[in-house]
């Protein structure tokens, strides 16, 4: 039976950590975010210090390799998280709205006035909610809807809504 691995000191934060059992004695950094970034920087510095890697990102052969890859993958950059985060919507040219005339046959009453009257649209809407075209069903359902509306608003039937709104405004 193997003995448990001893704790090691992280080369970056200098704190003790328990290395992964699969890494043997090779793990020198703990798993904290800053320590992992430091490890990556150190590995890149060591890799770039080798003579064969010093011009890897600068020479013409690698520049041409990158250009060929970009040509084979057009629009690749548009699917990155950075691009999706930055682009909220497509840009569009500013357009002034066209002038519109007011319809001459439009009613001269407001929406509230229309809803307070029993117009065919209001009756039709209630019949669609109820699922019936029978006048008795529409009338009983309308009474239930009005009672529920009073309950929601905290009103009792016959209460003056205008007076209630003005009292609560102050």
N, C-alpha and C. Protein backbone atom coordinates (compact mmCIF):
# COMPACT_ATOMS: atom_id res chain seq x y z
N UNK A 1 0.84 -1.19 0.00
CA UNK A 1 0.00 0.00 0.00
C UNK A 1 0.88 1.24 0.00
N UNK A 2 0.54 2.17 -0.88
CA UNK A 2 1.33 3.40 -1.02
C UNK A 2 1.01 4.36 0.12
N UNK A 3 2.01 5.09 0.50
CA UNK A 3 1.79 6.13 1.53
C UNK A 3 1.25 7.37 0.85
N UNK A 4 0.47 8.19 1.57
CA UNK A 4 -0.08 9.39 0.96
C UNK A 4 1.02 10.38 0.58
N UNK A 5 0.76 11.12 -0.52
CA UNK A 5 1.75 12.09 -1.00
C UNK A 5 1.88 13.24 -0.01
N UNK A 6 3.07 13.71 0.19
CA UNK A 6 3.24 14.88 1.07
C UNK A 6 2.79 16.15 0.37
N UNK A 7 2.48 17.13 1.17
CA UNK A 7 2.09 18.43 0.62
C UNK A 7 3.31 19.10 0.02
N UNK A 8 3.04 19.96 -0.98
CA UNK A 8 4.12 20.68 -1.65
C UNK A 8 3.85 22.17 -1.55
N UNK A 9 4.88 22.96 -1.74
CA UNK A 9 4.75 24.42 -1.69
C UNK A 9 4.62 24.93 -3.13
N UNK A 10 3.58 25.73 -3.38
CA UNK A 10 3.34 26.30 -4.71
C UNK A 10 4.45 27.30 -5.03
N UNK A 11 4.98 27.25 -6.25
CA UNK A 11 6.05 28.17 -6.64
C UNK A 11 5.57 29.61 -6.79
N UNK A 12 4.28 29.81 -6.93
CA UNK A 12 3.76 31.17 -7.12
C UNK A 12 3.27 31.78 -5.80
N UNK A 13 2.32 31.14 -5.14
CA UNK A 13 1.72 31.73 -3.93
C UNK A 13 2.41 31.28 -2.65
N UNK A 14 3.32 30.31 -2.75
CA UNK A 14 4.11 29.81 -1.61
C UNK A 14 3.27 29.13 -0.54
N UNK A 15 2.05 28.72 -0.85
CA UNK A 15 1.21 28.00 0.10
C UNK A 15 1.32 26.50 -0.15
N UNK A 16 1.09 25.72 0.90
CA UNK A 16 1.12 24.28 0.76
C UNK A 16 -0.14 23.79 0.05
N UNK A 17 0.03 22.78 -0.79
CA UNK A 17 -1.11 22.18 -1.48
C UNK A 17 -0.86 20.70 -1.63
N UNK A 18 -1.91 19.95 -1.84
CA UNK A 18 -1.81 18.51 -2.06
C UNK A 18 -1.78 18.26 -3.56
N UNK A 19 -0.67 17.79 -4.12
CA UNK A 19 -0.61 17.59 -5.57
C UNK A 19 -1.49 16.43 -6.01
N UNK A 20 -1.90 16.46 -7.25
CA UNK A 20 -2.69 15.39 -7.83
C UNK A 20 -1.86 14.11 -7.84
N UNK A 21 -2.47 13.00 -7.49
CA UNK A 21 -1.72 11.75 -7.37
C UNK A 21 -1.17 11.26 -8.70
N UNK A 22 -1.78 11.68 -9.81
CA UNK A 22 -1.32 11.22 -11.12
C UNK A 22 -0.09 11.98 -11.61
N UNK A 23 0.17 13.15 -11.04
CA UNK A 23 1.28 13.99 -11.50
C UNK A 23 2.61 13.64 -10.90
N UNK A 24 2.63 12.80 -9.91
CA UNK A 24 3.90 12.44 -9.28
C UNK A 24 4.54 13.66 -8.64
N UNK A 25 5.82 13.80 -8.90
CA UNK A 25 6.56 14.92 -8.33
C UNK A 25 6.68 16.09 -9.30
N UNK A 26 5.90 16.08 -10.40
CA UNK A 26 6.03 17.13 -11.42
C UNK A 26 5.20 18.37 -11.11
N UNK A 27 4.12 18.25 -10.32
CA UNK A 27 3.23 19.39 -10.09
C UNK A 27 3.87 20.37 -9.12
N UNK A 28 4.12 21.58 -9.61
CA UNK A 28 4.80 22.59 -8.79
C UNK A 28 3.90 23.78 -8.46
N UNK A 29 2.73 23.85 -9.06
CA UNK A 29 1.81 24.96 -8.83
C UNK A 29 0.48 24.42 -8.34
N UNK A 30 -0.18 25.16 -7.46
CA UNK A 30 -1.51 24.73 -6.99
C UNK A 30 -2.55 25.08 -8.05
N UNK A 31 -3.81 24.81 -7.77
CA UNK A 31 -4.87 24.98 -8.77
C UNK A 31 -5.59 26.32 -8.70
N UNK A 32 -5.06 27.28 -7.94
CA UNK A 32 -5.68 28.61 -7.89
C UNK A 32 -5.51 29.28 -9.25
N UNK A 33 -6.45 30.16 -9.56
CA UNK A 33 -6.46 30.80 -10.88
C UNK A 33 -5.16 31.57 -11.15
N UNK A 34 -4.74 32.38 -10.20
CA UNK A 34 -3.52 33.18 -10.39
C UNK A 34 -2.28 32.29 -10.55
N UNK A 35 -2.23 31.20 -9.80
CA UNK A 35 -1.09 30.29 -9.89
C UNK A 35 -1.06 29.56 -11.24
N UNK A 36 -2.23 29.21 -11.75
CA UNK A 36 -2.29 28.56 -13.06
C UNK A 36 -1.85 29.52 -14.16
N UNK A 37 -2.23 30.81 -14.02
CA UNK A 37 -1.78 31.80 -15.01
C UNK A 37 -0.26 31.99 -14.94
N UNK A 38 0.27 32.00 -13.72
CA UNK A 38 1.72 32.14 -13.55
C UNK A 38 2.44 30.95 -14.17
N UNK A 39 1.90 29.75 -13.99
CA UNK A 39 2.49 28.55 -14.58
C UNK A 39 2.49 28.65 -16.10
N UNK A 40 1.39 29.11 -16.67
CA UNK A 40 1.30 29.26 -18.13
C UNK A 40 2.34 30.27 -18.64
N UNK A 41 2.47 31.39 -17.92
CA UNK A 41 3.47 32.40 -18.32
C UNK A 41 4.88 31.81 -18.29
N UNK A 42 5.18 31.05 -17.25
CA UNK A 42 6.51 30.45 -17.11
C UNK A 42 6.77 29.43 -18.22
N UNK A 43 5.77 28.62 -18.54
CA UNK A 43 5.93 27.65 -19.62
C UNK A 43 6.14 28.34 -20.97
N UNK A 44 5.39 29.41 -21.23
CA UNK A 44 5.55 30.14 -22.50
C UNK A 44 6.93 30.80 -22.57
N UNK A 45 7.39 31.35 -21.45
CA UNK A 45 8.72 31.99 -21.42
C UNK A 45 9.79 30.94 -21.73
N UNK A 46 9.67 29.76 -21.12
CA UNK A 46 10.66 28.70 -21.35
C UNK A 46 10.59 28.20 -22.79
N UNK A 47 9.40 28.09 -23.35
CA UNK A 47 9.25 27.61 -24.72
C UNK A 47 9.85 28.60 -25.71
N UNK A 48 9.57 29.89 -25.48
CA UNK A 48 10.10 30.93 -26.38
C UNK A 48 11.60 31.12 -26.22
N UNK A 49 12.18 30.67 -25.12
CA UNK A 49 13.62 30.82 -24.91
C UNK A 49 14.41 29.85 -25.79
N UNK A 50 13.80 28.79 -26.27
CA UNK A 50 14.49 27.84 -27.15
C UNK A 50 14.73 28.50 -28.49
N UNK A 51 15.91 28.32 -29.08
CA UNK A 51 16.25 28.99 -30.34
C UNK A 51 15.28 28.66 -31.49
N UNK A 52 14.81 27.42 -31.55
CA UNK A 52 13.93 27.04 -32.67
C UNK A 52 12.54 27.66 -32.55
N UNK A 53 12.18 28.18 -31.38
CA UNK A 53 10.84 28.74 -31.18
C UNK A 53 10.82 30.27 -31.14
N UNK A 54 11.97 30.91 -31.19
CA UNK A 54 12.02 32.36 -30.98
C UNK A 54 11.29 33.15 -32.05
N UNK A 55 11.27 32.67 -33.29
CA UNK A 55 10.58 33.39 -34.36
C UNK A 55 9.32 32.67 -34.81
N UNK A 56 8.78 31.81 -33.97
CA UNK A 56 7.63 31.00 -34.38
C UNK A 56 6.45 31.85 -34.79
N UNK A 57 6.17 32.91 -34.06
CA UNK A 57 5.00 33.73 -34.35
C UNK A 57 5.32 34.89 -35.29
N UNK A 58 6.58 35.02 -35.72
CA UNK A 58 6.99 36.21 -36.49
C UNK A 58 7.41 35.91 -37.93
N UNK A 59 7.89 34.73 -38.23
CA UNK A 59 8.46 34.50 -39.56
C UNK A 59 7.37 34.41 -40.63
N UNK A 60 7.80 34.52 -41.87
CA UNK A 60 6.88 34.56 -43.01
C UNK A 60 6.11 33.25 -43.19
N UNK A 61 6.75 32.14 -42.89
CA UNK A 61 6.10 30.84 -43.07
C UNK A 61 4.87 30.73 -42.16
N UNK A 62 5.00 31.13 -40.91
CA UNK A 62 3.87 31.05 -39.98
C UNK A 62 2.82 32.12 -40.27
N UNK A 63 3.25 33.27 -40.77
CA UNK A 63 2.28 34.29 -41.15
C UNK A 63 1.44 33.80 -42.32
N UNK A 64 2.08 33.14 -43.28
CA UNK A 64 1.34 32.60 -44.42
C UNK A 64 0.42 31.47 -43.97
N UNK A 65 0.86 30.64 -43.01
CA UNK A 65 0.03 29.58 -42.47
C UNK A 65 -1.23 30.17 -41.84
N UNK A 66 -1.08 31.26 -41.11
CA UNK A 66 -2.24 31.91 -40.48
C UNK A 66 -3.17 32.50 -41.53
N UNK A 67 -2.60 33.12 -42.57
CA UNK A 67 -3.44 33.70 -43.63
C UNK A 67 -4.23 32.61 -44.37
N UNK A 68 -3.57 31.48 -44.64
CA UNK A 68 -4.25 30.37 -45.33
C UNK A 68 -5.40 29.84 -44.47
N UNK A 69 -5.15 29.69 -43.18
CA UNK A 69 -6.21 29.20 -42.29
C UNK A 69 -7.38 30.17 -42.26
N UNK A 70 -7.09 31.48 -42.19
CA UNK A 70 -8.16 32.48 -42.17
C UNK A 70 -8.95 32.46 -43.46
N UNK A 71 -8.27 32.21 -44.58
CA UNK A 71 -8.96 32.14 -45.87
C UNK A 71 -9.87 30.91 -45.93
N UNK A 72 -9.44 29.80 -45.34
CA UNK A 72 -10.24 28.58 -45.33
C UNK A 72 -11.40 28.64 -44.35
N UNK A 73 -11.35 29.53 -43.38
CA UNK A 73 -12.39 29.64 -42.35
C UNK A 73 -12.94 31.07 -42.29
N UNK A 74 -13.62 31.51 -43.34
CA UNK A 74 -14.14 32.90 -43.31
C UNK A 74 -15.25 33.05 -42.27
N UNK A 75 -15.24 34.17 -41.60
CA UNK A 75 -16.28 34.46 -40.61
C UNK A 75 -16.10 33.72 -39.30
N UNK A 76 -14.95 33.05 -39.10
CA UNK A 76 -14.73 32.31 -37.85
C UNK A 76 -14.82 33.24 -36.65
N UNK A 77 -14.27 34.41 -36.77
CA UNK A 77 -14.22 35.35 -35.64
C UNK A 77 -15.61 35.84 -35.25
N UNK A 78 -16.58 35.75 -36.16
CA UNK A 78 -17.93 36.23 -35.85
C UNK A 78 -18.64 35.34 -34.84
N UNK A 79 -18.17 34.11 -34.66
CA UNK A 79 -18.83 33.19 -33.75
C UNK A 79 -18.15 33.13 -32.38
N UNK A 80 -17.27 34.05 -32.10
CA UNK A 80 -16.58 34.04 -30.81
C UNK A 80 -17.44 34.70 -29.74
N UNK A 81 -17.19 34.33 -28.51
CA UNK A 81 -17.96 34.90 -27.39
C UNK A 81 -17.74 36.41 -27.29
N UNK A 82 -16.52 36.86 -27.58
CA UNK A 82 -16.23 38.29 -27.51
C UNK A 82 -17.07 39.06 -28.51
N UNK A 83 -17.21 38.52 -29.72
CA UNK A 83 -18.00 39.21 -30.74
C UNK A 83 -19.48 39.17 -30.40
N UNK A 84 -19.97 38.01 -29.89
CA UNK A 84 -21.39 37.93 -29.51
C UNK A 84 -21.70 38.87 -28.36
N UNK A 85 -20.77 39.02 -27.44
CA UNK A 85 -21.00 39.89 -26.28
C UNK A 85 -21.01 41.36 -26.72
N UNK A 86 -20.18 41.72 -27.70
CA UNK A 86 -20.07 43.10 -28.12
C UNK A 86 -21.23 43.51 -29.04
N UNK A 87 -21.69 42.62 -29.90
CA UNK A 87 -22.69 42.95 -30.89
C UNK A 87 -24.08 42.69 -30.33
N UNK A 88 -24.78 43.74 -30.00
CA UNK A 88 -26.13 43.58 -29.49
C UNK A 88 -27.14 43.47 -30.63
N UNK A 89 -26.92 44.23 -31.65
CA UNK A 89 -27.83 44.18 -32.80
C UNK A 89 -27.08 44.68 -34.01
N UNK A 90 -27.60 44.37 -35.17
CA UNK A 90 -26.97 44.82 -36.40
C UNK A 90 -27.17 46.32 -36.55
N UNK A 91 -26.15 46.97 -37.07
CA UNK A 91 -26.27 48.40 -37.32
C UNK A 91 -27.21 48.65 -38.49
N UNK A 92 -27.98 49.69 -38.40
CA UNK A 92 -28.87 50.04 -39.51
C UNK A 92 -28.85 51.55 -39.69
N UNK A 93 -29.13 51.97 -40.90
CA UNK A 93 -29.13 53.40 -41.16
C UNK A 93 -30.36 54.03 -40.52
N UNK A 94 -30.19 55.25 -40.10
CA UNK A 94 -31.29 55.95 -39.44
C UNK A 94 -32.33 56.37 -40.48
N UNK A 95 -33.57 56.07 -40.21
CA UNK A 95 -34.64 56.39 -41.15
C UNK A 95 -35.69 57.23 -40.42
N UNK A 96 -36.06 58.32 -41.04
CA UNK A 96 -37.11 59.15 -40.46
C UNK A 96 -38.46 58.50 -40.76
N UNK A 97 -39.36 58.46 -39.79
CA UNK A 97 -40.67 57.87 -40.06
C UNK A 97 -41.45 58.70 -41.07
N UNK A 98 -42.16 58.00 -41.92
CA UNK A 98 -42.98 58.69 -42.92
C UNK A 98 -44.16 59.38 -42.23
N UNK A 99 -44.50 60.56 -42.71
CA UNK A 99 -45.64 61.30 -42.14
C UNK A 99 -46.93 60.55 -42.44
N UNK A 100 -47.77 60.39 -41.42
CA UNK A 100 -49.03 59.69 -41.60
C UNK A 100 -50.16 60.61 -41.21
N UNK A 101 -51.22 60.51 -41.96
CA UNK A 101 -52.40 61.32 -41.64
C UNK A 101 -53.30 60.55 -40.69
N UNK A 102 -54.03 61.28 -39.86
CA UNK A 102 -54.96 60.66 -38.94
C UNK A 102 -56.19 60.23 -39.72
N UNK A 103 -56.63 59.00 -39.46
CA UNK A 103 -57.80 58.49 -40.17
C UNK A 103 -59.02 59.33 -39.83
N UNK A 104 -59.79 59.65 -40.84
CA UNK A 104 -60.95 60.52 -40.62
C UNK A 104 -62.10 59.81 -39.95
N UNK A 105 -62.16 58.48 -40.07
CA UNK A 105 -63.28 57.76 -39.47
C UNK A 105 -62.91 57.17 -38.10
N UNK A 106 -61.82 57.65 -37.50
CA UNK A 106 -61.43 57.16 -36.18
C UNK A 106 -62.40 57.70 -35.13
N UNK A 107 -62.73 56.91 -34.12
CA UNK A 107 -63.65 57.39 -33.09
C UNK A 107 -63.00 58.49 -32.26
N UNK A 108 -63.84 59.38 -31.74
CA UNK A 108 -63.35 60.51 -30.96
C UNK A 108 -63.30 60.19 -29.47
N UNK A 109 -63.31 58.94 -29.11
CA UNK A 109 -63.29 58.60 -27.69
C UNK A 109 -62.03 57.81 -27.36
N UNK A 110 -61.66 57.82 -26.11
CA UNK A 110 -60.44 57.13 -25.68
C UNK A 110 -60.72 55.65 -25.44
N UNK A 111 -59.66 54.91 -25.20
CA UNK A 111 -59.79 53.48 -24.94
C UNK A 111 -60.61 53.22 -23.69
N UNK A 112 -60.40 54.04 -22.67
CA UNK A 112 -61.17 53.86 -21.44
C UNK A 112 -62.67 54.04 -21.69
N UNK A 113 -63.02 55.00 -22.55
CA UNK A 113 -64.42 55.22 -22.87
C UNK A 113 -64.99 54.01 -23.62
N UNK A 114 -64.18 53.45 -24.51
CA UNK A 114 -64.66 52.29 -25.26
C UNK A 114 -64.87 51.10 -24.33
N UNK A 115 -63.99 50.91 -23.36
CA UNK A 115 -64.11 49.76 -22.47
C UNK A 115 -65.25 49.91 -21.49
N UNK A 116 -65.61 51.13 -21.15
CA UNK A 116 -66.70 51.31 -20.20
C UNK A 116 -68.06 51.07 -20.83
N UNK A 117 -68.15 51.13 -22.15
CA UNK A 117 -69.41 50.86 -22.84
C UNK A 117 -69.42 49.39 -23.27
N UNK A 118 -70.61 48.86 -23.44
CA UNK A 118 -70.72 47.49 -23.94
C UNK A 118 -70.72 47.53 -25.46
N UNK A 119 -69.54 47.47 -26.01
CA UNK A 119 -69.41 47.49 -27.47
C UNK A 119 -69.27 46.04 -27.95
N UNK A 120 -69.56 45.79 -29.19
CA UNK A 120 -69.48 44.42 -29.70
C UNK A 120 -68.10 43.77 -29.50
N UNK A 121 -67.04 44.54 -29.59
CA UNK A 121 -65.71 43.98 -29.40
C UNK A 121 -65.53 43.47 -27.97
N UNK A 122 -66.01 44.22 -27.01
CA UNK A 122 -65.91 43.83 -25.60
C UNK A 122 -66.71 42.57 -25.34
N UNK A 123 -67.91 42.50 -25.88
CA UNK A 123 -68.75 41.31 -25.72
C UNK A 123 -68.10 40.10 -26.39
N UNK A 124 -67.55 40.32 -27.59
CA UNK A 124 -66.88 39.23 -28.30
C UNK A 124 -65.69 38.72 -27.49
N UNK A 125 -64.91 39.63 -26.92
CA UNK A 125 -63.74 39.23 -26.14
C UNK A 125 -64.14 38.38 -24.95
N UNK A 126 -65.19 38.77 -24.25
CA UNK A 126 -65.65 37.98 -23.11
C UNK A 126 -66.19 36.64 -23.58
N UNK A 127 -66.87 36.61 -24.72
CA UNK A 127 -67.38 35.33 -25.22
C UNK A 127 -66.22 34.40 -25.59
N UNK A 128 -65.12 34.95 -26.06
CA UNK A 128 -63.95 34.12 -26.37
C UNK A 128 -63.32 33.59 -25.10
N UNK A 129 -63.27 34.41 -24.04
CA UNK A 129 -62.72 33.96 -22.76
C UNK A 129 -63.59 32.87 -22.15
N UNK A 130 -64.90 33.03 -22.25
CA UNK A 130 -65.83 32.08 -21.67
C UNK A 130 -65.91 30.82 -22.51
N UNK A 131 -65.83 30.98 -23.82
CA UNK A 131 -65.96 29.84 -24.72
C UNK A 131 -67.41 29.55 -25.08
N UNK A 132 -68.24 30.56 -24.96
CA UNK A 132 -69.66 30.36 -25.25
C UNK A 132 -70.22 31.63 -25.87
N UNK A 133 -71.22 31.48 -26.77
CA UNK A 133 -71.88 32.63 -27.38
C UNK A 133 -73.24 32.91 -26.75
N UNK A 134 -73.63 32.14 -25.76
CA UNK A 134 -74.94 32.32 -25.13
C UNK A 134 -74.91 33.57 -24.23
N UNK A 135 -75.93 34.44 -24.37
CA UNK A 135 -75.96 35.67 -23.58
C UNK A 135 -75.95 35.44 -22.07
N UNK A 136 -76.62 34.39 -21.59
CA UNK A 136 -76.63 34.13 -20.15
C UNK A 136 -75.24 33.77 -19.64
N UNK A 137 -74.50 32.97 -20.41
CA UNK A 137 -73.14 32.60 -20.02
C UNK A 137 -72.23 33.83 -20.00
N UNK A 138 -72.36 34.70 -21.02
CA UNK A 138 -71.55 35.91 -21.10
C UNK A 138 -71.86 36.83 -19.93
N UNK A 139 -73.15 36.99 -19.59
CA UNK A 139 -73.54 37.89 -18.50
C UNK A 139 -73.04 37.38 -17.16
N UNK A 140 -73.18 36.07 -16.88
CA UNK A 140 -72.73 35.55 -15.59
C UNK A 140 -71.21 35.61 -15.49
N UNK A 141 -70.50 35.32 -16.59
CA UNK A 141 -69.04 35.40 -16.57
C UNK A 141 -68.57 36.83 -16.41
N UNK A 142 -69.27 37.77 -17.03
CA UNK A 142 -68.90 39.18 -16.89
C UNK A 142 -69.05 39.62 -15.45
N UNK A 143 -70.14 39.19 -14.78
CA UNK A 143 -70.31 39.53 -13.36
C UNK A 143 -69.16 38.97 -12.53
N UNK A 144 -68.75 37.71 -12.80
CA UNK A 144 -67.63 37.12 -12.06
C UNK A 144 -66.33 37.88 -12.33
N UNK A 145 -66.10 38.29 -13.59
CA UNK A 145 -64.90 39.05 -13.92
C UNK A 145 -64.88 40.40 -13.21
N UNK A 146 -66.04 41.06 -13.13
CA UNK A 146 -66.11 42.36 -12.46
C UNK A 146 -65.84 42.18 -10.96
N UNK A 147 -66.40 41.12 -10.35
CA UNK A 147 -66.17 40.87 -8.92
C UNK A 147 -64.70 40.59 -8.66
N UNK A 148 -64.06 39.79 -9.53
CA UNK A 148 -62.63 39.52 -9.37
C UNK A 148 -61.81 40.78 -9.55
N UNK A 149 -62.20 41.62 -10.49
CA UNK A 149 -61.51 42.90 -10.68
C UNK A 149 -61.62 43.78 -9.45
N UNK A 150 -62.79 43.80 -8.82
CA UNK A 150 -62.98 44.56 -7.58
C UNK A 150 -62.09 44.00 -6.48
N UNK A 151 -62.01 42.67 -6.40
CA UNK A 151 -61.15 42.04 -5.39
C UNK A 151 -59.68 42.41 -5.60
N UNK A 152 -59.25 42.39 -6.85
CA UNK A 152 -57.86 42.72 -7.16
C UNK A 152 -57.55 44.16 -6.79
N UNK A 153 -58.47 45.06 -7.11
CA UNK A 153 -58.26 46.47 -6.82
C UNK A 153 -58.57 46.82 -5.37
N UNK A 154 -59.12 45.88 -4.61
CA UNK A 154 -59.46 46.15 -3.22
C UNK A 154 -60.65 47.07 -3.08
N UNK A 155 -61.57 46.96 -4.00
CA UNK A 155 -62.75 47.84 -4.00
C UNK A 155 -63.99 47.03 -3.65
N UNK A 156 -64.97 47.73 -3.19
CA UNK A 156 -66.28 47.11 -3.02
C UNK A 156 -67.18 47.66 -4.11
N UNK A 157 -68.15 46.89 -4.59
CA UNK A 157 -69.02 47.40 -5.66
C UNK A 157 -69.69 48.70 -5.24
N UNK A 158 -69.71 49.64 -6.16
CA UNK A 158 -70.32 50.94 -5.90
C UNK A 158 -69.31 51.97 -5.41
N UNK A 159 -68.06 51.59 -5.15
CA UNK A 159 -67.05 52.53 -4.68
C UNK A 159 -66.63 53.43 -5.83
N UNK A 160 -66.42 54.69 -5.55
CA UNK A 160 -66.01 55.65 -6.56
C UNK A 160 -64.51 55.50 -6.79
N UNK A 161 -64.12 55.01 -7.95
CA UNK A 161 -62.72 54.75 -8.26
C UNK A 161 -61.90 56.04 -8.33
N UNK A 162 -62.48 57.09 -8.90
CA UNK A 162 -61.77 58.37 -8.99
C UNK A 162 -61.42 58.91 -7.61
N UNK A 163 -62.37 58.83 -6.68
CA UNK A 163 -62.12 59.32 -5.32
C UNK A 163 -61.04 58.48 -4.66
N UNK A 164 -61.07 57.15 -4.87
CA UNK A 164 -60.07 56.26 -4.29
C UNK A 164 -58.67 56.57 -4.83
N UNK A 165 -58.57 56.82 -6.12
CA UNK A 165 -57.27 57.13 -6.72
C UNK A 165 -56.72 58.43 -6.19
N UNK A 166 -57.57 59.44 -6.03
CA UNK A 166 -57.11 60.73 -5.52
C UNK A 166 -56.72 60.65 -4.05
N UNK A 167 -57.37 59.82 -3.25
CA UNK A 167 -57.02 59.68 -1.84
C UNK A 167 -55.68 58.99 -1.68
N UNK A 168 -55.40 57.98 -2.52
CA UNK A 168 -54.15 57.23 -2.39
C UNK A 168 -52.96 57.93 -3.03
N UNK A 169 -53.21 58.97 -3.83
CA UNK A 169 -52.12 59.67 -4.51
C UNK A 169 -51.32 60.52 -3.53
N UNK A 170 -51.90 60.90 -2.42
CA UNK A 170 -51.21 61.81 -1.51
C UNK A 170 -50.71 61.11 -0.30
